[in-house]
């Protein structure tokens, strides 16, 4: 069954070198190898693929999320800001925004886009919100 295997998120980009500069330089990911036409990056216990695509940036929904412990969320947000990222905001019932950071109950989150418009999210992990 597919549920036995770890998924590999894939993000289409229009310019692989520009994407590498963003994912490696701004976000700090290290490549774990080149794929047939892209680059694999390690993230936690998994990996994700960045590859050239004619459809880059056409997804208008969140493409990839990172759950971080609440204790490090503010530091991660500060590091993203220091890298020049601008956070996106949008209307969601019961979500309160302050300086680009969304809060909903115990959960805090930010959204931002890569150079092609792929939307990424960093939020507090569910287990860190309860304790």
Protein backbone atom coordinates (compact mmCIF):
# COMPACT_ATOMS: atom_id res chain seq x y z
CA UNK A 1 0.00 0.00 0.00
CA UNK A 2 1.13 3.55 -0.69
CA UNK A 3 0.56 4.39 2.97
CA UNK A 4 3.72 2.36 3.74
CA UNK A 5 5.94 4.86 1.91
CA UNK A 6 7.06 8.41 2.65
CA UNK A 7 5.83 10.96 0.12
CA UNK A 8 8.28 13.29 -1.60
CA UNK A 9 6.83 16.78 -2.08
CA UNK A 10 7.73 18.16 -5.50
CA UNK A 11 7.91 21.85 -6.38
CA UNK A 12 8.03 22.98 -10.00
CA UNK A 13 10.23 26.00 -10.73
CA UNK A 14 10.95 28.00 -13.88
CA UNK A 15 14.65 28.63 -13.17
CA UNK A 16 16.52 25.91 -11.29
CA UNK A 17 19.54 28.09 -10.45
CA UNK A 18 17.31 30.84 -9.04
CA UNK A 19 15.41 28.21 -7.06
CA UNK A 20 18.67 26.76 -5.70
CA UNK A 21 19.74 30.23 -4.57
CA UNK A 22 16.43 30.58 -2.71
CA UNK A 23 16.19 27.11 -1.14
CA UNK A 24 19.88 26.89 -0.26
CA UNK A 25 20.80 30.54 0.32
CA UNK A 26 17.63 32.00 1.85
CA UNK A 27 16.04 28.95 3.49
CA UNK A 28 19.26 27.08 4.30
CA UNK A 29 18.46 23.66 2.84
CA UNK A 30 21.33 21.40 1.80
CA UNK A 31 21.03 19.38 -1.40
CA UNK A 32 21.25 15.63 -0.92
CA UNK A 33 21.75 14.95 -4.60
CA UNK A 34 20.69 15.89 -8.06
CA UNK A 35 17.61 14.23 -9.47
CA UNK A 36 17.19 13.57 -13.18
CA UNK A 37 16.31 17.22 -13.83
CA UNK A 38 16.20 18.78 -10.40
CA UNK A 39 17.61 18.84 -6.89
CA UNK A 40 16.64 16.79 -3.83
CA UNK A 41 16.79 18.49 -0.44
CA UNK A 42 16.76 16.93 3.03
CA UNK A 43 14.11 18.23 5.41
CA UNK A 44 13.70 16.59 8.80
CA UNK A 45 13.33 12.85 8.23
CA UNK A 46 12.18 13.35 4.64
CA UNK A 47 13.16 14.96 1.38
CA UNK A 48 11.61 17.19 -1.25
CA UNK A 49 12.33 17.73 -4.94
CA UNK A 50 12.72 21.03 -6.78
CA UNK A 51 12.57 20.56 -10.55
CA UNK A 52 12.06 22.65 -13.70
CA UNK A 53 8.48 22.71 -14.95
CA UNK A 54 6.49 24.68 -17.50
CA UNK A 55 3.74 24.78 -14.84
CA UNK A 56 5.88 26.41 -12.15
CA UNK A 57 4.00 28.65 -9.77
CA UNK A 58 0.51 27.80 -11.01
CA UNK A 59 -0.63 26.21 -7.73
CA UNK A 60 -2.40 28.87 -5.66
CA UNK A 61 -2.64 26.72 -2.54
CA UNK A 62 -0.01 25.83 0.03
CA UNK A 63 2.48 23.50 -1.66
CA UNK A 64 4.57 22.48 1.36
CA UNK A 65 4.33 23.00 5.13
CA UNK A 66 6.84 22.72 7.95
CA UNK A 67 5.64 22.00 11.49
CA UNK A 68 8.05 23.40 14.09
CA UNK A 69 7.93 23.32 17.88
CA UNK A 70 6.30 26.41 19.39
CA UNK A 71 9.51 27.14 21.32
CA UNK A 72 11.45 27.80 18.09
CA UNK A 73 8.70 29.33 15.94
CA UNK A 74 9.62 32.97 16.65
CA UNK A 75 13.31 32.30 15.92
CA UNK A 76 12.44 30.57 12.64
CA UNK A 77 10.21 33.50 11.64
CA UNK A 78 13.00 35.96 12.51
CA UNK A 79 15.47 33.99 10.38
CA UNK A 80 13.04 33.98 7.43
CA UNK A 81 12.55 37.75 7.77
CA UNK A 82 16.34 38.22 7.93
CA UNK A 83 16.52 36.32 4.62
CA UNK A 84 14.26 38.95 3.07
CA UNK A 85 11.00 37.02 3.01
CA UNK A 86 7.68 38.83 3.01
CA UNK A 87 4.82 36.95 4.60
CA UNK A 88 1.45 36.61 2.92
CA UNK A 89 -1.85 37.25 4.67
CA UNK A 90 -5.38 36.27 3.70
CA UNK A 91 -8.84 36.15 5.21
CA UNK A 92 -9.69 33.12 7.33
CA UNK A 93 -12.42 33.18 9.95
CA UNK A 94 -11.07 33.16 13.53
CA UNK A 95 -7.48 33.80 12.38
CA UNK A 96 -5.82 36.90 13.84
CA UNK A 97 -2.90 38.52 12.00
CA UNK A 98 -0.05 40.55 13.51
CA UNK A 99 2.95 41.58 11.41
CA UNK A 100 2.36 38.74 8.93
CA UNK A 101 2.00 36.06 11.61
CA UNK A 102 -1.34 34.28 11.94
CA UNK A 103 -2.64 33.08 15.28
CA UNK A 104 -5.59 30.75 15.72
CA UNK A 105 -5.97 29.54 19.26
CA UNK A 106 -2.59 28.06 20.25
CA UNK A 107 -1.38 27.71 16.63
CA UNK A 108 0.90 30.30 15.00
CA UNK A 109 1.79 30.28 11.29
CA UNK A 110 3.31 32.20 8.40
CA UNK A 111 3.01 31.76 4.64
CA UNK A 112 5.46 32.93 1.97
CA UNK A 113 6.29 32.19 -1.66
CA UNK A 114 9.40 31.05 -3.46
CA UNK A 115 10.54 32.98 -6.58
CA UNK A 116 8.02 31.07 -8.73
CA UNK A 117 5.09 31.63 -6.38
CA UNK A 118 5.05 28.17 -4.77
CA UNK A 119 3.46 28.83 -1.38
CA UNK A 120 5.28 27.49 1.68
CA UNK A 121 4.05 27.46 5.27
CA UNK A 122 5.74 27.30 8.67
CA UNK A 123 3.51 26.64 11.65
CA UNK A 124 3.68 25.41 15.19
CA UNK A 125 3.36 21.66 15.35
CA UNK A 126 0.14 20.29 16.87
CA UNK A 127 1.95 18.54 19.72
CA UNK A 128 3.79 21.74 20.68
CA UNK A 129 0.53 23.69 20.90
CA UNK A 130 -0.75 21.53 23.72
CA UNK A 131 2.31 21.40 25.88
